[in-house]
Amino acid sequence: MKNPIVAIQKLYNETVSELKKCSWPTRRELYDSTIVVVSSLIILTLFVSVVDWLCEVAVRFITGSM
């Protein structure tokens, strides 16, 4: 059986090596992407809320419980 310490060290070294090859976003790119995600989330939340409310109104109208 392999020494677990050696296996962990090898995994760590390989992970660090692969992470150095990654292309990391700049602060500005990260900020812009965050704004897009948060804006999309707000818009989608509003859309789903309006559709839910309209469905509720329709069901109440159909069942006559208004």
PDB file of N, CA and C in Angstrom:
ATOM      1  N   MET A   1       0.845  -1.187   0.000  1.00  0.00           N
ATOM      2  CA  MET A   1       0.000   0.000   0.000  1.00  0.00           C
ATOM      3  C   MET A   1       0.885   1.244   0.000  1.00  0.00           C
ATOM      4  N   LYS A   2       0.477   2.229  -0.792  1.00  0.00           N
ATOM      5  CA  LYS A   2       1.236   3.471  -0.869  1.00  0.00           C
ATOM      6  C   LYS A   2       1.142   4.245   0.443  1.00  0.00           C
ATOM      7  N   ASN A   3       2.161   5.045   0.639  1.00  0.00           N
ATOM      8  CA  ASN A   3       2.157   5.933   1.788  1.00  0.00           C
ATOM      9  C   ASN A   3       1.117   7.035   1.539  1.00  0.00           C
ATOM     10  N   PRO A   4       0.120   7.201   2.426  1.00  0.00           N
ATOM     11  CA  PRO A   4      -0.922   8.201   2.179  1.00  0.00           C
ATOM     12  C   PRO A   4      -0.380   9.631   2.154  1.00  0.00           C
ATOM     13  N   ILE A   5       0.653   9.909   2.895  1.00  0.00           N
ATOM     14  CA  ILE A   5       1.240  11.255   2.903  1.00  0.00           C
ATOM     15  C   ILE A   5       1.816  11.578   1.531  1.00  0.00           C
ATOM     16  N   VAL A   6       2.493  10.624   0.925  1.00  0.00           N
ATOM     17  CA  VAL A   6       3.075  10.827  -0.406  1.00  0.00           C
ATOM     18  C   VAL A   6       1.963  11.020  -1.435  1.00  0.00           C
ATOM     19  N   ALA A   7       0.899  10.253  -1.326  1.00  0.00           N
ATOM     20  CA  ALA A   7      -0.219  10.368  -2.265  1.00  0.00           C
ATOM     21  C   ALA A   7      -0.892  11.738  -2.144  1.00  0.00           C
ATOM     22  N   ILE A   8      -1.071  12.212  -0.923  1.00  0.00           N
ATOM     23  CA  ILE A   8      -1.682  13.528  -0.707  1.00  0.00           C
ATOM     24  C   ILE A   8      -0.774  14.630  -1.240  1.00  0.00           C
ATOM     25  N   GLN A   9       0.521  14.498  -1.009  1.00  0.00           N
ATOM     26  CA  GLN A   9       1.477  15.499  -1.495  1.00  0.00           C
ATOM     27  C   GLN A   9       1.484  15.538  -3.027  1.00  0.00           C
ATOM     28  N   LYS A  10       1.428  14.373  -3.650  1.00  0.00           N
ATOM     29  CA  LYS A  10       1.397  14.314  -5.110  1.00  0.00           C
ATOM     30  C   LYS A  10       0.123  14.968  -5.640  1.00  0.00           C
ATOM     31  N   LEU A  11      -1.009  14.663  -5.033  1.00  0.00           N
ATOM     32  CA  LEU A  11      -2.278  15.262  -5.440  1.00  0.00           C
ATOM     33  C   LEU A  11      -2.231  16.781  -5.292  1.00  0.00           C
ATOM     34  N   TYR A  12      -1.681  17.257  -4.189  1.00  0.00           N
ATOM     35  CA  TYR A  12      -1.566  18.696  -3.951  1.00  0.00           C
ATOM     36  C   TYR A  12      -0.705  19.350  -5.026  1.00  0.00           C
ATOM     37  N   ASN A  13       0.439  18.772  -5.308  1.00  0.00           N
ATOM     38  CA  ASN A  13       1.343  19.335  -6.316  1.00  0.00           C
ATOM     39  C   ASN A  13       0.697  19.357  -7.699  1.00  0.00           C
ATOM     40  N   GLU A  14      -0.013  18.303  -8.060  1.00  0.00           N
ATOM     41  CA  GLU A  14      -0.693  18.259  -9.355  1.00  0.00           C
ATOM     42  C   GLU A  14      -1.819  19.295  -9.419  1.00  0.00           C
ATOM     43  N   THR A  15      -2.527  19.462  -8.313  1.00  0.00           N
ATOM     44  CA  THR A  15      -3.606  20.445  -8.263  1.00  0.00           C
ATOM     45  C   THR A  15      -3.065  21.858  -8.432  1.00  0.00           C
ATOM     46  N   VAL A  16      -1.996  22.183  -7.731  1.00  0.00           N
ATOM     47  CA  VAL A  16      -1.379  23.508  -7.854  1.00  0.00           C
ATOM     48  C   VAL A  16      -0.907  23.729  -9.282  1.00  0.00           C
ATOM     49  N   SER A  17      -0.315  22.728  -9.883  1.00  0.00           N
ATOM     50  CA  SER A  17       0.167  22.834 -11.260  1.00  0.00           C
ATOM     51  C   SER A  17      -0.982  23.119 -12.222  1.00  0.00           C
ATOM     52  N   GLU A  18      -2.102  22.432 -12.060  1.00  0.00           N
ATOM     53  CA  GLU A  18      -3.254  22.644 -12.939  1.00  0.00           C
ATOM     54  C   GLU A  18      -3.882  24.020 -12.715  1.00  0.00           C
ATOM     55  N   LEU A  19      -3.943  24.464 -11.463  1.00  0.00           N
ATOM     56  CA  LEU A  19      -4.525  25.776 -11.178  1.00  0.00           C
ATOM     57  C   LEU A  19      -3.699  26.910 -11.776  1.00  0.00           C
ATOM     58  N   LYS A  20      -2.403  26.718 -11.909  1.00  0.00           N
ATOM     59  CA  LYS A  20      -1.548  27.737 -12.526  1.00  0.00           C
ATOM     60  C   LYS A  20      -1.832  27.869 -14.019  1.00  0.00           C
ATOM     61  N   LYS A  21      -2.383  26.828 -14.626  1.00  0.00           N
ATOM     62  CA  LYS A  21      -2.699  26.850 -16.056  1.00  0.00           C
ATOM     63  C   LYS A  21      -4.036  27.542 -16.333  1.00  0.00           C
ATOM     64  N   CYS A  22      -4.831  27.758 -15.302  1.00  0.00           N
ATOM     65  CA  CYS A  22      -6.163  28.348 -15.473  1.00  0.00           C
ATOM     66  C   CYS A  22      -6.072  29.820 -15.834  1.00  0.00           C
ATOM     67  N   SER A  23      -7.083  30.265 -16.539  1.00  0.00           N
ATOM     68  CA  SER A  23      -7.208  31.679 -16.870  1.00  0.00           C
ATOM     69  C   SER A  23      -8.185  32.295 -15.872  1.00  0.00           C
ATOM     70  N   TRP A  24      -7.686  33.141 -15.001  1.00  0.00           N
ATOM     71  CA  TRP A  24      -8.515  33.732 -13.963  1.00  0.00           C
ATOM     72  C   TRP A  24      -9.020  35.093 -14.420  1.00  0.00           C
ATOM     73  N   PRO A  25     -10.275  35.438 -14.098  1.00  0.00           N
ATOM     74  CA  PRO A  25     -10.815  36.731 -14.528  1.00  0.00           C
ATOM     75  C   PRO A  25     -10.185  37.879 -13.742  1.00  0.00           C
ATOM     76  N   THR A  26     -10.182  39.046 -14.381  1.00  0.00           N
ATOM     77  CA  THR A  26      -9.724  40.242 -13.676  1.00  0.00           C
ATOM     78  C   THR A  26     -10.820  40.670 -12.708  1.00  0.00           C
ATOM     79  N   ARG A  27     -10.486  41.603 -11.832  1.00  0.00           N
ATOM     80  CA  ARG A  27     -11.486  42.108 -10.893  1.00  0.00           C
ATOM     81  C   ARG A  27     -12.673  42.718 -11.627  1.00  0.00           C
ATOM     82  N   ARG A  28     -12.380  43.456 -12.677  1.00  0.00           N
ATOM     83  CA  ARG A  28     -13.440  44.116 -13.448  1.00  0.00           C
ATOM     84  C   ARG A  28     -14.350  43.079 -14.119  1.00  0.00           C
ATOM     85  N   GLU A  29     -13.765  42.029 -14.701  1.00  0.00           N
ATOM     86  CA  GLU A  29     -14.564  40.970 -15.330  1.00  0.00           C
ATOM     87  C   GLU A  29     -15.442  40.262 -14.295  1.00  0.00           C
ATOM     88  N   LEU A  30     -14.872  40.014 -13.135  1.00  0.00           N
ATOM     89  CA  LEU A  30     -15.623  39.360 -12.063  1.00  0.00           C
ATOM     90  C   LEU A  30     -16.777  40.245 -11.593  1.00  0.00           C
ATOM     91  N   TYR A  31     -16.513  41.537 -11.445  1.00  0.00           N
ATOM     92  CA  TYR A  31     -17.548  42.493 -11.043  1.00  0.00           C
ATOM     93  C   TYR A  31     -18.667  42.543 -12.082  1.00  0.00           C
ATOM     94  N   ASP A  32     -18.295  42.664 -13.348  1.00  0.00           N
ATOM     95  CA  ASP A  32     -19.292  42.723 -14.422  1.00  0.00           C
ATOM     96  C   ASP A  32     -20.143  41.456 -14.471  1.00  0.00           C
ATOM     97  N   SER A  33     -19.506  40.315 -14.333  1.00  0.00           N
ATOM     98  CA  SER A  33     -20.241  39.044 -14.350  1.00  0.00           C
ATOM     99  C   SER A  33     -21.197  38.947 -13.163  1.00  0.00           C
ATOM    100  N   THR A  34     -20.758  39.418 -12.018  1.00  0.00           N
ATOM    101  CA  THR A  34     -21.607  39.397 -10.829  1.00  0.00           C
ATOM    102  C   THR A  34     -22.832  40.277 -11.025  1.00  0.00           C
ATOM    103  N   ILE A  35     -22.641  41.447 -11.618  1.00  0.00           N
ATOM    104  CA  ILE A  35     -23.765  42.354 -11.887  1.00  0.00           C
ATOM    105  C   ILE A  35     -24.764  41.692 -12.834  1.00  0.00           C
ATOM    106  N   VAL A  36     -24.268  41.027 -13.858  1.00  0.00           N
ATOM    107  CA  VAL A  36     -25.152  40.344 -14.812  1.00  0.00           C
ATOM    108  C   VAL A  36     -25.952  39.248 -14.111  1.00  0.00           C
ATOM    109  N   VAL A  37     -25.303  38.465 -13.277  1.00  0.00           N
ATOM    110  CA  VAL A  37     -25.982  37.363 -12.587  1.00  0.00           C
ATOM    111  C   VAL A  37     -27.036  37.901 -11.618  1.00  0.00           C
ATOM    112  N   VAL A  38     -26.686  38.902 -10.830  1.00  0.00           N
ATOM    113  CA  VAL A  38     -27.635  39.451  -9.855  1.00  0.00           C
ATOM    114  C   VAL A  38     -28.814  40.111 -10.570  1.00  0.00           C
ATOM    115  N   SER A  39     -28.546  40.847 -11.638  1.00  0.00           N
ATOM    116  CA  SER A  39     -29.621  41.484 -12.410  1.00  0.00           C
ATOM    117  C   SER A  39     -30.555  40.434 -13.007  1.00  0.00           C
ATOM    118  N   SER A  40     -29.980  39.390 -13.577  1.00  0.00           N
ATOM    119  CA  SER A  40     -30.789  38.309 -14.151  1.00  0.00           C
ATOM    120  C   SER A  40     -31.638  37.639 -13.080  1.00  0.00           C
ATOM    121  N   LEU A  41     -31.064  37.445 -11.920  1.00  0.00           N
ATOM    122  CA  LEU A  41     -31.791  36.827 -10.812  1.00  0.00           C
ATOM    123  C   LEU A  41     -32.980  37.687 -10.393  1.00  0.00           C
ATOM    124  N   ILE A  42     -32.776  38.981 -10.299  1.00  0.00           N
ATOM    125  CA  ILE A  42     -33.864  39.887  -9.915  1.00  0.00           C
ATOM    126  C   ILE A  42     -34.968  39.877 -10.968  1.00  0.00           C
ATOM    127  N   ILE A  43     -34.594  39.966 -12.232  1.00  0.00           N
ATOM    128  CA  ILE A  43     -35.585  39.967 -13.317  1.00  0.00           C
ATOM    129  C   ILE A  43     -36.370  38.657 -13.336  1.00  0.00           C
ATOM    130  N   LEU A  44     -35.680  37.535 -13.214  1.00  0.00           N
ATOM    131  CA  LEU A  44     -36.355  36.237 -13.220  1.00  0.00           C
ATOM    132  C   LEU A  44     -37.282  36.091 -12.014  1.00  0.00           C
ATOM    133  N   THR A  45     -36.846  36.570 -10.859  1.00  0.00           N
ATOM    134  CA  THR A  45     -37.682  36.509  -9.661  1.00  0.00           C
ATOM    135  C   THR A  45     -38.958  37.318  -9.847  1.00  0.00           C
ATOM    136  N   LEU A  46     -38.825  38.510 -10.407  1.00  0.00           N
ATOM    137  CA  LEU A  46     -40.007  39.341 -10.661  1.00  0.00           C
ATOM    138  C   LEU A  46     -40.945  38.674 -11.660  1.00  0.00           C
ATOM    139  N   PHE A  47     -40.386  38.103 -12.716  1.00  0.00           N
ATOM    140  CA  PHE A  47     -41.198  37.428 -13.727  1.00  0.00           C
ATOM    141  C   PHE A  47     -41.976  36.262 -13.123  1.00  0.00           C
ATOM    142  N   VAL A  48     -41.291  35.417 -12.366  1.00  0.00           N
ATOM    143  CA  VAL A  48     -41.951  34.253 -11.760  1.00  0.00           C
ATOM    144  C   VAL A  48     -43.016  34.709 -10.764  1.00  0.00           C
ATOM    145  N   SER A  49     -42.749  35.772 -10.025  1.00  0.00           N
ATOM    146  CA  SER A  49     -43.734  36.289  -9.068  1.00  0.00           C
ATOM    147  C   SER A  49     -44.985  36.786  -9.774  1.00  0.00           C
ATOM    148  N   VAL A  50     -44.817  37.493 -10.875  1.00  0.00           N
ATOM    149  CA  VAL A  50     -45.969  37.998 -11.630  1.00  0.00           C
ATOM    150  C   VAL A  50     -46.770  36.840 -12.220  1.00  0.00           C
ATOM    151  N   VAL A  51     -46.101  35.862 -12.795  1.00  0.00           N
ATOM    152  CA  VAL A  51     -46.800  34.703 -13.366  1.00  0.00           C
ATOM    153  C   VAL A  51     -47.543  33.945 -12.267  1.00  0.00           C
ATOM    154  N   ASP A  52     -46.928  33.788 -11.114  1.00  0.00           N
ATOM    155  CA  ASP A  52     -47.579  33.110  -9.991  1.00  0.00           C
ATOM    156  C   ASP A  52     -48.826  33.872  -9.557  1.00  0.00           C
ATOM    157  N   TRP A  53     -48.718  35.185  -9.456  1.00  0.00           N
ATOM    158  CA  TRP A  53     -49.862  36.004  -9.064  1.00  0.00           C
ATOM    159  C   TRP A  53     -50.985  35.902 -10.097  1.00  0.00           C
ATOM    160  N   LEU A  54     -50.633  35.952 -11.381  1.00  0.00           N
ATOM    161  CA  LEU A  54     -51.645  35.832 -12.439  1.00  0.00           C
ATOM    162  C   LEU A  54     -52.340  34.467 -12.390  1.00  0.00           C
ATOM    163  N   CYS A  55     -51.578  33.417 -12.139  1.00  0.00           N
ATOM    164  CA  CYS A  55     -52.177  32.077 -12.020  1.00  0.00           C
ATOM    165  C   CYS A  55     -53.126  32.019 -10.825  1.00  0.00           C
ATOM    166  N   GLU A  56     -52.724  32.634  -9.728  1.00  0.00           N
ATOM    167  CA  GLU A  56     -53.585  32.661  -8.544  1.00  0.00           C
ATOM    168  C   GLU A  56     -54.889  33.401  -8.841  1.00  0.00           C
ATOM    169  N   VAL A  57     -54.800  34.540  -9.504  1.00  0.00           N
ATOM    170  CA  VAL A  57     -55.995  35.309  -9.865  1.00  0.00           C
ATOM    171  C   VAL A  57     -56.881  34.494 -10.799  1.00  0.00           C
ATOM    172  N   ALA A  58     -56.289  33.816 -11.774  1.00  0.00           N
ATOM    173  CA  ALA A  58     -57.061  33.008 -12.719  1.00  0.00           C
ATOM    174  C   ALA A  58     -57.783  31.872 -12.010  1.00  0.00           C
ATOM    175  N   VAL A  59     -57.106  31.191 -11.108  1.00  0.00           N
ATOM    176  CA  VAL A  59     -57.727  30.079 -10.383  1.00  0.00           C
ATOM    177  C   VAL A  59     -58.856  30.596  -9.503  1.00  0.00           C
ATOM    178  N   ARG A  60     -58.646  31.712  -8.836  1.00  0.00           N
ATOM    179  CA  ARG A  60     -59.716  32.280  -8.001  1.00  0.00           C
ATOM    180  C   ARG A  60     -60.913  32.692  -8.855  1.00  0.00           C
ATOM    181  N   PHE A  61     -60.645  33.227 -10.040  1.00  0.00           N
ATOM    182  CA  PHE A  61     -61.734  33.629 -10.938  1.00  0.00           C
ATOM    183  C   PHE A  61     -62.516  32.408 -11.413  1.00  0.00           C
ATOM    184  N   ILE A  62     -61.787  31.358 -11.805  1.00  0.00           N
ATOM    185  CA  ILE A  62     -62.429  30.139 -12.314  1.00  0.00           C
ATOM    186  C   ILE A  62     -63.246  29.452 -11.223  1.00  0.00           C
ATOM    187  N   THR A  63     -62.705  29.403 -10.023  1.00  0.00           N
ATOM    188  CA  THR A  63     -63.412  28.716  -8.934  1.00  0.00           C
ATOM    189  C   THR A  63     -64.445  29.604  -8.262  1.00  0.00           C
ATOM    190  N   GLY A  64     -64.450  30.878  -8.615  1.00  0.00           N
ATOM    191  CA  GLY A  64     -65.445  31.792  -8.063  1.00  0.00           C
ATOM    192  C   GLY A  64     -65.201  32.172  -6.619  1.00  0.00           C
ATOM    193  N   SER A  65     -63.997  32.083  -6.155  1.00  0.00           N
ATOM    194  CA  SER A  65     -63.711  32.404  -4.750  1.00  0.00           C
ATOM    195  C   SER A  65     -63.136  33.808  -4.576  1.00  0.00           C
ATOM    196  N   MET A  66     -63.427  34.694  -5.516  1.00  0.00           N
ATOM    197  CA  MET A  66     -62.929  36.068  -5.394  1.00  0.00           C
ATOM    198  C   MET A  66     -63.818  36.870  -4.491  1.00  0.00           C
TER     199      MET A  66
END
